[in-house]
Amino acid sequence: MPLIIQEERLKRLKHRMKVYFDASRPDHQDALRALWSATYPDRELSGLISDQWKEMGWQGRDPSTDFRGAGFISLENLLFFAKTFSASFQHLLKKQGGKRSAWEYPFAVAGVNITFMIMRMLDLDAMKPRTFVRSVFLQILSENEWAFDLLYCVAFAVMDNQWLQRNATYMEFNDVLKSTRAQIERELLMDDVLRIEDMPSYSLLI
């Protein structure tokens, strides 16, 4: 039975990964509006194309152009983070922790990059598992349908933590992302990690 559950959940996750962001779809527009409301509950959004989006760390007035790398799931990940760990989400959004770098990473675009990094790390489209990390993740997925989204939240917190430790500049973003991936892989392979919540870095989420 667990194998059937795992296969079903993997199928659903793979399907999520293949959905492109489509600015003409009402459900995708609704998800963007939901992200705004979860991020800035007290502020009205003037439109799906607006200078307001730059405050969240999108590259321009139209956030839909930033989803090309990772698709709709990267928006779902941000929304999950905003709703599930709202204190952590706001903490990272407002760059409240530690001595901050003079030139920060853009929050929302960093989020899309983290989704893409996890997708590549897990290599779920490969016919056969090429990495042990993938096998471990599938085991966790069979226990929790939201394993990918939870892993995303942990990875975002790890990335920000590493950014602060390095006192990084924007030019070092890819290096920070690489070392974030290495840390996530290390933690997933620990003997006593059977759920995302068991990862040592899960404690970074507040």
N, C-alpha and C. Protein backbone atom coordinates (compact mmCIF):
# COMPACT_ATOMS: atom_id res chain seq x y z
N MET A 1 0.81 -1.23 0.00
CA MET A 1 0.00 0.00 0.00
C MET A 1 0.85 1.29 0.00
N PRO A 2 1.87 1.40 0.89
CA PRO A 2 2.67 2.63 0.89
C PRO A 2 3.28 2.94 -0.48
N LEU A 3 3.65 1.88 -1.24
CA LEU A 3 4.25 2.11 -2.56
C LEU A 3 3.25 2.76 -3.51
N ILE A 4 1.99 2.32 -3.43
CA ILE A 4 0.95 2.92 -4.27
C ILE A 4 0.77 4.39 -3.91
N ILE A 5 0.76 4.68 -2.61
CA ILE A 5 0.63 6.07 -2.15
C ILE A 5 1.80 6.89 -2.67
N GLN A 6 3.01 6.33 -2.53
CA GLN A 6 4.22 7.03 -2.99
C GLN A 6 4.14 7.32 -4.48
N GLU A 7 3.72 6.34 -5.26
CA GLU A 7 3.63 6.53 -6.71
C GLU A 7 2.59 7.59 -7.08
N GLU A 8 1.46 7.56 -6.37
CA GLU A 8 0.41 8.56 -6.62
C GLU A 8 0.91 9.96 -6.31
N ARG A 9 1.58 10.08 -5.17
CA ARG A 9 2.06 11.40 -4.75
C ARG A 9 3.18 11.89 -5.67
N LEU A 10 4.03 10.97 -6.10
CA LEU A 10 5.09 11.34 -7.03
C LEU A 10 4.49 11.81 -8.35
N LYS A 11 3.44 11.12 -8.80
CA LYS A 11 2.77 11.50 -10.04
C LYS A 11 2.20 12.91 -9.94
N ARG A 12 1.56 13.18 -8.80
CA ARG A 12 0.97 14.52 -8.60
C ARG A 12 2.06 15.59 -8.54
N LEU A 13 3.15 15.27 -7.85
CA LEU A 13 4.25 16.24 -7.73
C LEU A 13 4.88 16.51 -9.10
N LYS A 14 5.10 15.45 -9.88
CA LYS A 14 5.66 15.62 -11.22
C LYS A 14 4.75 16.48 -12.09
N HIS A 15 3.44 16.25 -11.93
CA HIS A 15 2.47 17.04 -12.69
C HIS A 15 2.58 18.52 -12.30
N ARG A 16 2.68 18.78 -11.00
CA ARG A 16 2.82 20.17 -10.53
C ARG A 16 4.06 20.82 -11.14
N MET A 17 5.13 20.05 -11.25
CA MET A 17 6.39 20.59 -11.77
C MET A 17 6.33 20.94 -13.25
N LYS A 18 5.36 20.38 -13.94
CA LYS A 18 5.28 20.60 -15.39
C LYS A 18 4.33 21.73 -15.78
N VAL A 19 3.64 22.30 -14.79
CA VAL A 19 2.67 23.36 -15.09
C VAL A 19 3.41 24.69 -15.24
N TYR A 20 3.30 25.27 -16.42
CA TYR A 20 3.89 26.60 -16.64
C TYR A 20 2.99 27.66 -16.03
N PHE A 21 3.59 28.76 -15.63
CA PHE A 21 2.75 29.87 -15.17
C PHE A 21 2.10 30.51 -16.39
N ASP A 22 0.80 30.64 -16.34
CA ASP A 22 0.04 31.21 -17.45
C ASP A 22 -0.76 32.40 -16.94
N ALA A 23 -0.31 33.59 -17.30
CA ALA A 23 -0.92 34.82 -16.78
C ALA A 23 -2.37 34.98 -17.22
N SER A 24 -2.81 34.20 -18.23
CA SER A 24 -4.18 34.34 -18.70
C SER A 24 -5.15 33.42 -17.94
N ARG A 25 -4.60 32.50 -17.13
CA ARG A 25 -5.47 31.57 -16.39
C ARG A 25 -5.98 32.22 -15.10
N PRO A 26 -7.30 32.24 -14.92
CA PRO A 26 -7.86 32.86 -13.71
C PRO A 26 -7.32 32.25 -12.41
N ASP A 27 -7.11 30.91 -12.38
CA ASP A 27 -6.60 30.31 -11.13
C ASP A 27 -5.17 30.73 -10.84
N HIS A 28 -4.39 30.99 -11.90
CA HIS A 28 -3.02 31.46 -11.70
C HIS A 28 -3.03 32.92 -11.24
N GLN A 29 -3.94 33.70 -11.80
CA GLN A 29 -4.09 35.09 -11.36
C GLN A 29 -4.51 35.14 -9.89
N ASP A 30 -5.45 34.24 -9.53
CA ASP A 30 -5.91 34.18 -8.13
C ASP A 30 -4.77 33.82 -7.18
N ALA A 31 -3.91 32.90 -7.63
CA ALA A 31 -2.77 32.48 -6.78
C ALA A 31 -1.82 33.66 -6.55
N LEU A 32 -1.62 34.48 -7.58
CA LEU A 32 -0.76 35.67 -7.43
C LEU A 32 -1.39 36.65 -6.44
N ARG A 33 -2.68 36.85 -6.58
CA ARG A 33 -3.38 37.76 -5.65
C ARG A 33 -3.31 37.21 -4.21
N ALA A 34 -3.45 35.88 -4.10
CA ALA A 34 -3.38 35.24 -2.78
C ALA A 34 -2.00 35.44 -2.16
N LEU A 35 -0.96 35.37 -3.01
CA LEU A 35 0.40 35.58 -2.52
C LEU A 35 0.55 37.01 -2.00
N TRP A 36 0.00 37.96 -2.74
CA TRP A 36 0.08 39.36 -2.30
C TRP A 36 -0.63 39.52 -0.94
N SER A 37 -1.84 38.96 -0.84
CA SER A 37 -2.63 39.10 0.41
C SER A 37 -1.92 38.45 1.59
N ALA A 38 -1.29 37.29 1.34
CA ALA A 38 -0.58 36.59 2.42
C ALA A 38 0.68 37.35 2.83
N THR A 39 1.27 38.05 1.86
CA THR A 39 2.53 38.78 2.11
C THR A 39 2.27 40.14 2.75
N TYR A 40 1.29 40.84 2.20
CA TYR A 40 0.95 42.18 2.70
C TYR A 40 -0.54 42.23 3.04
N PRO A 41 -0.94 41.62 4.16
CA PRO A 41 -2.36 41.50 4.49
C PRO A 41 -3.09 42.84 4.60
N ASP A 42 -2.35 43.90 4.92
CA ASP A 42 -3.01 45.20 5.15
C ASP A 42 -2.94 46.13 3.94
N ARG A 43 -2.42 45.62 2.83
CA ARG A 43 -2.25 46.53 1.68
C ARG A 43 -2.99 46.03 0.45
N GLU A 44 -3.62 46.95 -0.20
CA GLU A 44 -4.37 46.65 -1.41
C GLU A 44 -3.41 46.53 -2.58
N LEU A 45 -3.62 45.53 -3.43
CA LEU A 45 -2.81 45.39 -4.65
C LEU A 45 -3.49 46.16 -5.77
N SER A 46 -2.72 47.03 -6.44
CA SER A 46 -3.37 47.85 -7.47
C SER A 46 -3.58 47.09 -8.78
N GLY A 47 -2.82 46.02 -9.00
CA GLY A 47 -3.04 45.24 -10.22
C GLY A 47 -2.01 44.13 -10.36
N LEU A 48 -2.29 43.17 -11.23
CA LEU A 48 -1.35 42.06 -11.43
C LEU A 48 -0.07 42.53 -12.12
N ILE A 49 -0.15 43.68 -12.76
CA ILE A 49 1.07 44.33 -13.26
C ILE A 49 1.15 45.68 -12.56
N SER A 50 2.15 45.80 -11.70
CA SER A 50 2.23 47.00 -10.85
C SER A 50 3.64 47.12 -10.28
N ASP A 51 4.05 48.36 -10.03
CA ASP A 51 5.36 48.59 -9.40
C ASP A 51 5.43 47.99 -7.99
N GLN A 52 4.27 47.75 -7.40
CA GLN A 52 4.24 47.20 -6.03
C GLN A 52 4.98 45.87 -5.94
N TRP A 53 4.93 45.08 -7.01
CA TRP A 53 5.55 43.75 -6.98
C TRP A 53 7.06 43.83 -6.75
N LYS A 54 7.68 44.93 -7.16
CA LYS A 54 9.14 45.04 -6.99
C LYS A 54 9.53 45.01 -5.52
N GLU A 55 8.61 45.48 -4.66
CA GLU A 55 8.91 45.48 -3.22
C GLU A 55 9.08 44.06 -2.68
N MET A 56 8.39 43.10 -3.31
CA MET A 56 8.48 41.72 -2.86
C MET A 56 9.74 41.04 -3.43
N GLY A 57 10.40 41.72 -4.35
CA GLY A 57 11.63 41.17 -4.91
C GLY A 57 11.44 40.50 -6.26
N TRP A 58 10.42 40.95 -7.02
CA TRP A 58 10.32 40.52 -8.41
C TRP A 58 11.15 41.48 -9.25
N GLN A 59 11.55 41.05 -10.42
CA GLN A 59 12.49 41.86 -11.19
C GLN A 59 11.83 43.09 -11.82
N GLY A 60 10.53 42.97 -12.11
CA GLY A 60 9.87 44.11 -12.73
C GLY A 60 8.44 44.25 -12.24
N ARG A 61 7.63 44.94 -13.04
CA ARG A 61 6.24 45.22 -12.65
C ARG A 61 5.33 44.00 -12.84
N ASP A 62 5.81 43.03 -13.62
CA ASP A 62 4.99 41.86 -13.96
C ASP A 62 5.66 40.59 -13.45
N PRO A 63 5.24 40.07 -12.29
CA PRO A 63 5.93 38.91 -11.71
C PRO A 63 5.85 37.67 -12.60
N SER A 64 4.85 37.60 -13.48
CA SER A 64 4.68 36.38 -14.29
C SER A 64 5.91 36.10 -15.16
N THR A 65 6.68 37.14 -15.49
CA THR A 65 7.86 36.92 -16.34
C THR A 65 8.99 36.24 -15.58
N ASP A 66 8.91 36.21 -14.25
CA ASP A 66 9.99 35.59 -13.45
C ASP A 66 9.77 34.11 -13.18
N PHE A 67 8.63 33.58 -13.61
CA PHE A 67 8.33 32.17 -13.32
C PHE A 67 8.88 31.22 -14.38
N ARG A 68 9.51 31.74 -15.40
CA ARG A 68 9.93 30.88 -16.53
C ARG A 68 10.78 29.70 -16.07
N GLY A 69 11.71 29.96 -15.13
CA GLY A 69 12.63 28.89 -14.72
C GLY A 69 11.96 27.71 -14.05
N ALA A 70 11.00 27.98 -13.17
CA ALA A 70 10.47 26.88 -12.35
C ALA A 70 8.96 26.69 -12.47
N GLY A 71 8.28 27.56 -13.20
CA GLY A 71 6.85 27.36 -13.42
C GLY A 71 5.96 27.68 -12.22
N PHE A 72 4.71 27.22 -12.31
CA PHE A 72 3.68 27.57 -11.34
C PHE A 72 3.99 27.04 -9.94
N ILE A 73 4.71 25.92 -9.85
CA ILE A 73 5.01 25.35 -8.53
C ILE A 73 5.83 26.32 -7.68
N SER A 74 6.62 27.17 -8.33
CA SER A 74 7.42 28.13 -7.54
C SER A 74 6.52 29.17 -6.87
N LEU A 75 5.41 29.50 -7.52
CA LEU A 75 4.42 30.39 -6.90
C LEU A 75 3.71 29.64 -5.76
N GLU A 76 3.36 28.38 -6.01
CA GLU A 76 2.72 27.56 -4.96
C GLU A 76 3.63 27.44 -3.74
N ASN A 77 4.93 27.28 -3.98
CA ASN A 77 5.90 27.17 -2.88
C ASN A 77 5.93 28.44 -2.04
N LEU A 78 6.00 29.59 -2.70
CA LEU A 78 6.01 30.86 -1.97
C LEU A 78 4.73 31.03 -1.15
N LEU A 79 3.61 30.67 -1.77
CA LEU A 79 2.32 30.80 -1.09
C LEU A 79 2.24 29.85 0.12
N PHE A 80 2.73 28.63 -0.05
CA PHE A 80 2.76 27.66 1.04
C PHE A 80 3.61 28.20 2.20
N PHE A 81 4.76 28.75 1.87
CA PHE A 81 5.67 29.30 2.88
C PHE A 81 4.98 30.45 3.62
N ALA A 82 4.36 31.35 2.85
CA ALA A 82 3.70 32.53 3.45
C ALA A 82 2.59 32.13 4.41
N LYS A 83 1.88 31.05 4.07
CA LYS A 83 0.73 30.64 4.89
C LYS A 83 1.11 29.71 6.04
N THR A 84 2.11 28.85 5.80
CA THR A 84 2.45 27.81 6.79
C THR A 84 3.42 28.32 7.85
N PHE A 85 4.38 29.12 7.42
CA PHE A 85 5.37 29.67 8.36
C PHE A 85 5.40 31.19 8.20
N SER A 86 4.27 31.82 8.49
CA SER A 86 4.15 33.25 8.18
C SER A 86 5.21 34.09 8.90
N ALA A 87 5.54 33.73 10.13
CA ALA A 87 6.55 34.52 10.87
C ALA A 87 7.91 34.43 10.18
N SER A 88 8.32 33.21 9.79
CA SER A 88 9.59 33.03 9.08
C SER A 88 9.57 33.76 7.74
N PHE A 89 8.46 33.60 7.04
CA PHE A 89 8.31 34.23 5.72
C PHE A 89 8.50 35.75 5.84
N GLN A 90 7.82 36.36 6.79
CA GLN A 90 7.92 37.82 6.97
C GLN A 90 9.32 38.22 7.42
N HIS A 91 9.91 37.39 8.27
CA HIS A 91 11.27 37.64 8.77
C HIS A 91 12.27 37.70 7.61
N LEU A 92 12.13 36.75 6.67
CA LEU A 92 13.05 36.70 5.53
C LEU A 92 12.71 37.79 4.51
N LEU A 93 11.43 38.01 4.29
CA LEU A 93 10.99 39.04 3.35
C LEU A 93 11.52 40.41 3.75
N LYS A 94 11.42 40.69 5.05
CA LYS A 94 11.82 42.02 5.54
C LYS A 94 13.30 42.07 5.92
N LYS A 95 13.99 40.94 5.68
CA LYS A 95 15.43 40.87 5.95
C LYS A 95 15.74 41.34 7.38
N GLN A 96 15.07 40.70 8.32
CA GLN A 96 15.18 41.16 9.71
C GLN A 96 16.34 40.52 10.48
N GLY A 97 16.86 39.41 9.98
CA GLY A 97 17.87 38.69 10.76
C GLY A 97 19.27 39.19 10.51
N GLY A 98 20.07 39.23 11.57
CA GLY A 98 21.51 39.44 11.44
C GLY A 98 21.95 40.76 10.83
N LYS A 99 23.26 40.83 10.60
CA LYS A 99 23.84 42.02 9.96
C LYS A 99 23.67 41.83 8.46
N ARG A 100 22.81 42.64 7.86
CA ARG A 100 22.47 42.40 6.47
C ARG A 100 23.50 42.99 5.52
N SER A 101 23.59 42.33 4.37
CA SER A 101 24.49 42.79 3.33
C SER A 101 23.98 44.11 2.75
N ALA A 102 24.89 44.92 2.26
CA ALA A 102 24.49 46.20 1.66
C ALA A 102 23.62 45.96 0.42
N TRP A 103 23.92 44.88 -0.31
CA TRP A 103 23.14 44.60 -1.51
C TRP A 103 22.49 43.23 -1.35
N GLU A 104 21.21 43.24 -1.05
CA GLU A 104 20.49 42.01 -0.73
C GLU A 104 20.07 41.23 -1.97
N TYR A 105 19.77 39.97 -1.76
CA TYR A 105 19.15 39.18 -2.84
C TYR A 105 17.67 39.58 -2.93
N PRO A 106 17.08 39.57 -4.14
CA PRO A 106 15.65 39.87 -4.26
C PRO A 106 14.83 38.68 -3.77
N PHE A 107 13.99 38.90 -2.79
CA PHE A 107 13.31 37.83 -2.07
C PHE A 107 12.54 36.87 -2.98
N ALA A 108 11.61 37.40 -3.78
CA ALA A 108 10.73 36.53 -4.58
C ALA A 108 11.51 35.77 -5.65
N VAL A 109 12.43 36.45 -6.31
CA VAL A 109 13.23 35.79 -7.36
C VAL A 109 14.12 34.70 -6.73
N ALA A 110 14.62 34.97 -5.53
CA ALA A 110 15.39 33.94 -4.80
C ALA A 110 14.52 32.72 -4.58
N GLY A 111 13.24 32.96 -4.24
CA GLY A 111 12.31 31.85 -4.02
C GLY A 111 12.14 30.97 -5.25
N VAL A 112 12.03 31.59 -6.41
CA VAL A 112 11.89 30.84 -7.66
C VAL A 112 13.16 30.01 -7.90
N ASN A 113 14.30 30.61 -7.64
CA ASN A 113 15.58 29.91 -7.82
C ASN A 113 15.71 28.71 -6.88
N ILE A 114 15.17 28.84 -5.68
CA ILE A 114 15.23 27.73 -4.71
C ILE A 114 14.36 26.57 -5.19
N THR A 115 13.17 26.89 -5.71
CA THR A 115 12.31 25.82 -6.27
C THR A 115 13.06 25.07 -7.36
N PHE A 116 13.68 25.82 -8.27
CA PHE A 116 14.40 25.22 -9.39
C PHE A 116 15.56 24.36 -8.90
N MET A 117 16.26 24.85 -7.89
CA MET A 117 17.40 24.11 -7.32
C MET A 117 16.93 22.77 -6.74
N ILE A 118 15.80 22.78 -6.01
CA ILE A 118 15.30 21.53 -5.40
C ILE A 118 14.84 20.56 -6.48
N MET A 119 14.19 21.09 -7.52
CA MET A 119 13.75 20.23 -8.62
C MET A 119 14.94 19.50 -9.25
N ARG A 120 16.02 20.24 -9.45
CA ARG A 120 17.22 19.63 -10.03
C ARG A 120 17.87 18.65 -9.07
N MET A 121 17.91 19.01 -7.82
CA MET A 121 18.54 18.16 -6.81
C MET A 121 17.82 16.80 -6.71
N LEU A 122 16.50 16.84 -6.74
CA LEU A 122 15.73 15.60 -6.57
C LEU A 122 15.65 14.78 -7.85
N ASP A 123 15.83 15.43 -9.00
CA ASP A 123 15.95 14.72 -10.28
C ASP A 123 14.78 13.74 -10.47
N LEU A 124 13.57 14.22 -10.20
CA LEU A 124 12.42 13.31 -10.18
C LEU A 124 11.99 12.81 -11.56
N ASP A 125 12.46 13.48 -12.60
CA ASP A 125 12.06 13.07 -13.95
C ASP A 125 12.92 11.92 -14.50
N ALA A 126 14.04 11.66 -13.87
CA ALA A 126 14.89 10.58 -14.35
C ALA A 126 14.15 9.25 -14.23
N MET A 127 14.33 8.39 -15.22
CA MET A 127 13.63 7.10 -15.23
C MET A 127 14.01 6.26 -14.00
N LYS A 128 15.30 6.27 -13.71
CA LYS A 128 15.78 5.52 -12.53
C LYS A 128 16.44 6.50 -11.57
N PRO A 129 16.29 6.26 -10.27
CA PRO A 129 16.95 7.16 -9.31
C PRO A 129 18.46 7.17 -9.53
N ARG A 130 18.99 8.37 -9.76
CA ARG A 130 20.44 8.47 -9.95
C ARG A 130 21.13 8.91 -8.68
N THR A 131 20.33 9.35 -7.71
CA THR A 131 20.93 9.81 -6.46
C THR A 131 20.20 9.19 -5.27
N PHE A 132 20.94 9.02 -4.21
CA PHE A 132 20.36 8.46 -2.99
C PHE A 132 19.40 9.48 -2.37
N VAL A 133 19.71 10.78 -2.59
CA VAL A 133 18.86 11.84 -2.04
C VAL A 133 17.43 11.69 -2.57
N ARG A 134 17.32 11.37 -3.84
CA ARG A 134 15.98 11.19 -4.42
C ARG A 134 15.23 10.05 -3.72
N SER A 135 15.90 8.93 -3.52
CA SER A 135 15.27 7.78 -2.86
C SER A 135 14.79 8.14 -1.46
N VAL A 136 15.63 8.88 -0.73
CA VAL A 136 15.26 9.30 0.62
C VAL A 136 14.04 10.22 0.56
N PHE A 137 14.06 11.15 -0.40
CA PHE A 137 12.94 12.08 -0.52
C PHE A 137 11.63 11.34 -0.84
N LEU A 138 11.69 10.35 -1.72
CA LEU A 138 10.48 9.61 -2.08
C LEU A 138 9.89 8.88 -0.87
N GLN A 139 10.76 8.41 -0.02
CA GLN A 139 10.33 7.76 1.22
C GLN A 139 9.57 8.77 2.10
N ILE A 140 10.15 9.98 2.19
CA ILE A 140 9.52 11.04 3.00
C ILE A 140 8.19 11.46 2.36
N LEU A 141 8.16 11.52 1.03
CA LEU A 141 6.95 11.91 0.30
C LEU A 141 5.81 10.93 0.56
N SER A 142 6.16 9.66 0.70
CA SER A 142 5.11 8.65 0.95
C SER A 142 4.48 8.86 2.33
N GLU A 143 5.19 9.56 3.22
CA GLU A 143 4.66 9.85 4.56
C GLU A 143 3.93 11.20 4.59
N ASN A 144 4.34 12.10 3.72
CA ASN A 144 3.77 13.45 3.76
C ASN A 144 3.70 14.04 2.34
N GLU A 145 2.47 14.25 1.89
CA GLU A 145 2.24 14.78 0.55
C GLU A 145 2.91 16.14 0.33
N TRP A 146 3.10 16.90 1.42
CA TRP A 146 3.64 18.26 1.30
C TRP A 146 5.15 18.31 1.52
N ALA A 147 5.81 17.17 1.38
CA ALA A 147 7.26 17.10 1.64
C ALA A 147 8.05 18.10 0.79
N PHE A 148 7.68 18.23 -0.49
CA PHE A 148 8.42 19.14 -1.38
C PHE A 148 8.30 20.58 -0.87
N ASP A 149 7.08 20.98 -0.53
CA ASP A 149 6.85 22.36 -0.08
C ASP A 149 7.54 22.63 1.25
N LEU A 150 7.53 21.64 2.14
CA LEU A 150 8.23 21.79 3.42
C LEU A 150 9.73 21.91 3.20
N LEU A 151 10.24 21.07 2.30
CA LEU A 151 11.68 21.11 2.00
C LEU A 151 12.06 22.49 1.45
N TYR A 152 11.18 23.04 0.65
CA TYR A 152 11.39 24.39 0.08
C TYR A 152 11.55 25.42 1.20
N CYS A 153 10.67 25.37 2.19
CA CYS A 153 10.72 26.33 3.30
C CYS A 153 12.04 26.20 4.07
N VAL A 154 12.45 24.96 4.31
CA VAL A 154 13.73 24.72 5.00
C VAL A 154 14.88 25.28 4.17
N ALA A 155 14.86 24.99 2.86
CA ALA A 155 15.94 25.44 1.98
C ALA A 155 16.03 26.96 1.95
N PHE A 156 14.88 27.63 1.95
CA PHE A 156 14.89 29.11 1.94
C PHE A 156 15.55 29.63 3.22
N ALA A 157 15.19 29.03 4.36
CA ALA A 157 15.77 29.46 5.64
C ALA A 157 17.28 29.19 5.68
N VAL A 158 17.69 28.04 5.13
CA VAL A 158 19.12 27.70 5.07
C VAL A 158 19.86 28.70 4.19
N MET A 159 19.27 29.01 3.05
CA MET A 159 19.92 29.94 2.11
C MET A 159 20.14 31.30 2.77
N ASP A 160 19.12 31.80 3.46
CA ASP A 160 19.25 33.11 4.11
C ASP A 160 20.30 33.05 5.22
N ASN A 161 20.32 31.93 5.94
CA ASN A 161 21.29 31.74 7.01
C ASN A 161 22.72 31.75 6.47
N GLN A 162 22.90 31.05 5.36
CA GLN A 162 24.24 31.02 4.75
C GLN A 162 24.63 32.39 4.19
N TRP A 163 23.65 33.07 3.65
CA TRP A 163 23.88 34.42 3.11
C TRP A 163 24.44 35.33 4.22
N LEU A 164 23.83 35.24 5.39
CA LEU A 164 24.26 36.06 6.52
C LEU A 164 25.64 35.65 7.02
N GLN A 165 25.87 34.34 7.12
CA GLN A 165 27.16 33.86 7.62
C GLN A 165 28.31 34.31 6.71
N ARG A 166 28.04 34.32 5.42
CA ARG A 166 29.09 34.72 4.47
C ARG A 166 29.20 36.22 4.30
N ASN A 167 28.16 36.94 4.82
CA ASN A 167 28.05 38.36 4.52
C ASN A 167 28.13 38.55 3.00
N ALA A 168 27.32 37.76 2.30
CA ALA A 168 27.43 37.65 0.83
C ALA A 168 26.93 38.90 0.13
N THR A 169 27.37 39.04 -1.10
CA THR A 169 26.84 40.10 -1.97
C THR A 169 26.01 39.41 -3.05
N TYR A 170 25.25 40.19 -3.78
CA TYR A 170 24.35 39.62 -4.79
C TYR A 170 25.11 38.77 -5.81
N MET A 171 26.35 39.16 -6.10
CA MET A 171 27.15 38.41 -7.09
C MET A 171 27.45 36.99 -6.61
N GLU A 172 27.36 36.76 -5.32
CA GLU A 172 27.66 35.43 -4.75
C GLU A 172 26.42 34.56 -4.59
N PHE A 173 25.28 35.03 -5.11
CA PHE A 173 24.02 34.32 -4.89
C PHE A 173 24.10 32.85 -5.34
N ASN A 174 24.68 32.60 -6.52
CA ASN A 174 24.75 31.22 -7.02
C ASN A 174 25.63 30.33 -6.14
N ASP A 175 26.69 30.92 -5.60
CA ASP A 175 27.56 30.15 -4.69
C ASP A 175 26.79 29.77 -3.41
N VAL A 176 26.02 30.72 -2.92
CA VAL A 176 25.22 30.47 -1.71
C VAL A 176 24.18 29.38 -2.00
N LEU A 177 23.61 29.45 -3.19
CA LEU A 177 22.61 28.44 -3.58
C LEU A 177 23.25 27.05 -3.65
N LYS A 178 24.46 26.97 -4.17
CA LYS A 178 25.18 25.68 -4.27
C LYS A 178 25.45 25.12 -2.88
N SER A 179 25.91 25.97 -1.98
CA SER A 179 26.23 25.46 -0.64
C SER A 179 24.94 25.14 0.13
N THR A 180 23.84 25.84 -0.20
CA THR A 180 22.55 25.50 0.39
C THR A 180 22.14 24.10 -0.04
N ARG A 181 22.28 23.83 -1.33
CA ARG A 181 21.94 22.50 -1.84
C ARG A 181 22.78 21.42 -1.14
N ALA A 182 24.07 21.69 -1.00
CA ALA A 182 24.96 20.71 -0.36
C ALA A 182 24.52 20.43 1.08
N GLN A 183 24.13 21.50 1.79
CA GLN A 183 23.70 21.31 3.19
C GLN A 183 22.38 20.52 3.25
N ILE A 184 21.45 20.84 2.37
CA ILE A 184 20.16 20.14 2.34
C ILE A 184 20.39 18.65 2.04
N GLU A 185 21.26 18.36 1.07
CA GLU A 185 21.55 16.96 0.73
C GLU A 185 22.16 16.23 1.92
N ARG A 186 23.10 16.88 2.57
CA ARG A 186 23.75 16.28 3.75
C ARG A 186 22.72 15.92 4.82
N GLU A 187 21.82 16.85 5.09
CA GLU A 187 20.84 16.63 6.16
C GLU A 187 19.84 15.54 5.79
N LEU A 188 19.43 15.50 4.52
CA LEU A 188 18.48 14.47 4.10
C LEU A 188 19.07 13.07 4.24
N LEU A 189 20.38 12.98 4.12
CA LEU A 189 21.04 11.67 4.17
C LEU A 189 21.42 11.23 5.59
N MET A 190 21.09 12.06 6.57
CA MET A 190 21.38 11.66 7.95
C MET A 190 20.49 10.49 8.36
N ASP A 191 21.05 9.58 9.16
CA ASP A 191 20.34 8.35 9.55
C ASP A 191 19.00 8.60 10.24
N ASP A 192 18.98 9.63 11.08
CA ASP A 192 17.76 9.82 11.88
C ASP A 192 16.76 10.80 11.24
N VAL A 193 17.00 11.15 9.98
CA VAL A 193 16.05 12.03 9.28
C VAL A 193 15.06 11.17 8.49
N LEU A 194 13.85 11.05 9.02
CA LEU A 194 12.81 10.26 8.37
C LEU A 194 11.69 11.15 7.84
N ARG A 195 11.69 12.40 8.28
CA ARG A 195 10.71 13.39 7.83
C ARG A 195 11.45 14.71 7.63
N ILE A 196 10.84 15.62 6.90
CA ILE A 196 11.47 16.95 6.73
C ILE A 196 11.66 17.60 8.10
N GLU A 197 10.67 17.38 8.98
CA GLU A 197 10.73 17.99 10.32
C GLU A 197 11.93 17.49 11.14
N ASP A 198 12.52 16.37 10.74
CA ASP A 198 13.69 15.83 11.47
C ASP A 198 15.00 16.50 11.05
N MET A 199 14.97 17.24 9.95
CA MET A 199 16.21 17.88 9.49
C MET A 199 16.66 18.93 10.50
N PRO A 200 17.96 18.96 10.83
CA PRO A 200 18.42 19.95 11.81
C PRO A 200 18.01 21.39 11.45
N SER A 201 18.04 21.70 10.15
CA SER A 201 17.74 23.08 9.73
C SER A 201 16.26 23.43 9.81
N TYR A 202 15.42 22.42 10.08
CA TYR A 202 13.98 22.71 10.23
C TYR A 202 13.79 23.69 11.40
N SER A 203 14.73 23.64 12.35
CA SER A 203 14.63 24.52 13.53
C SER A 203 14.82 25.99 13.17
N LEU A 204 15.32 26.28 11.96
CA LEU A 204 15.47 27.67 11.53
C LEU A 204 14.11 28.32 11.27
N LEU A 205 13.10 27.48 11.03
CA LEU A 205 11.77 28.02 10.76
C LEU A 205 11.08 28.37 12.08
N ILE A 206 10.47 29.56 12.09
CA ILE A 206 9.86 30.01 13.35
C ILE A 206 8.35 30.13 13.19
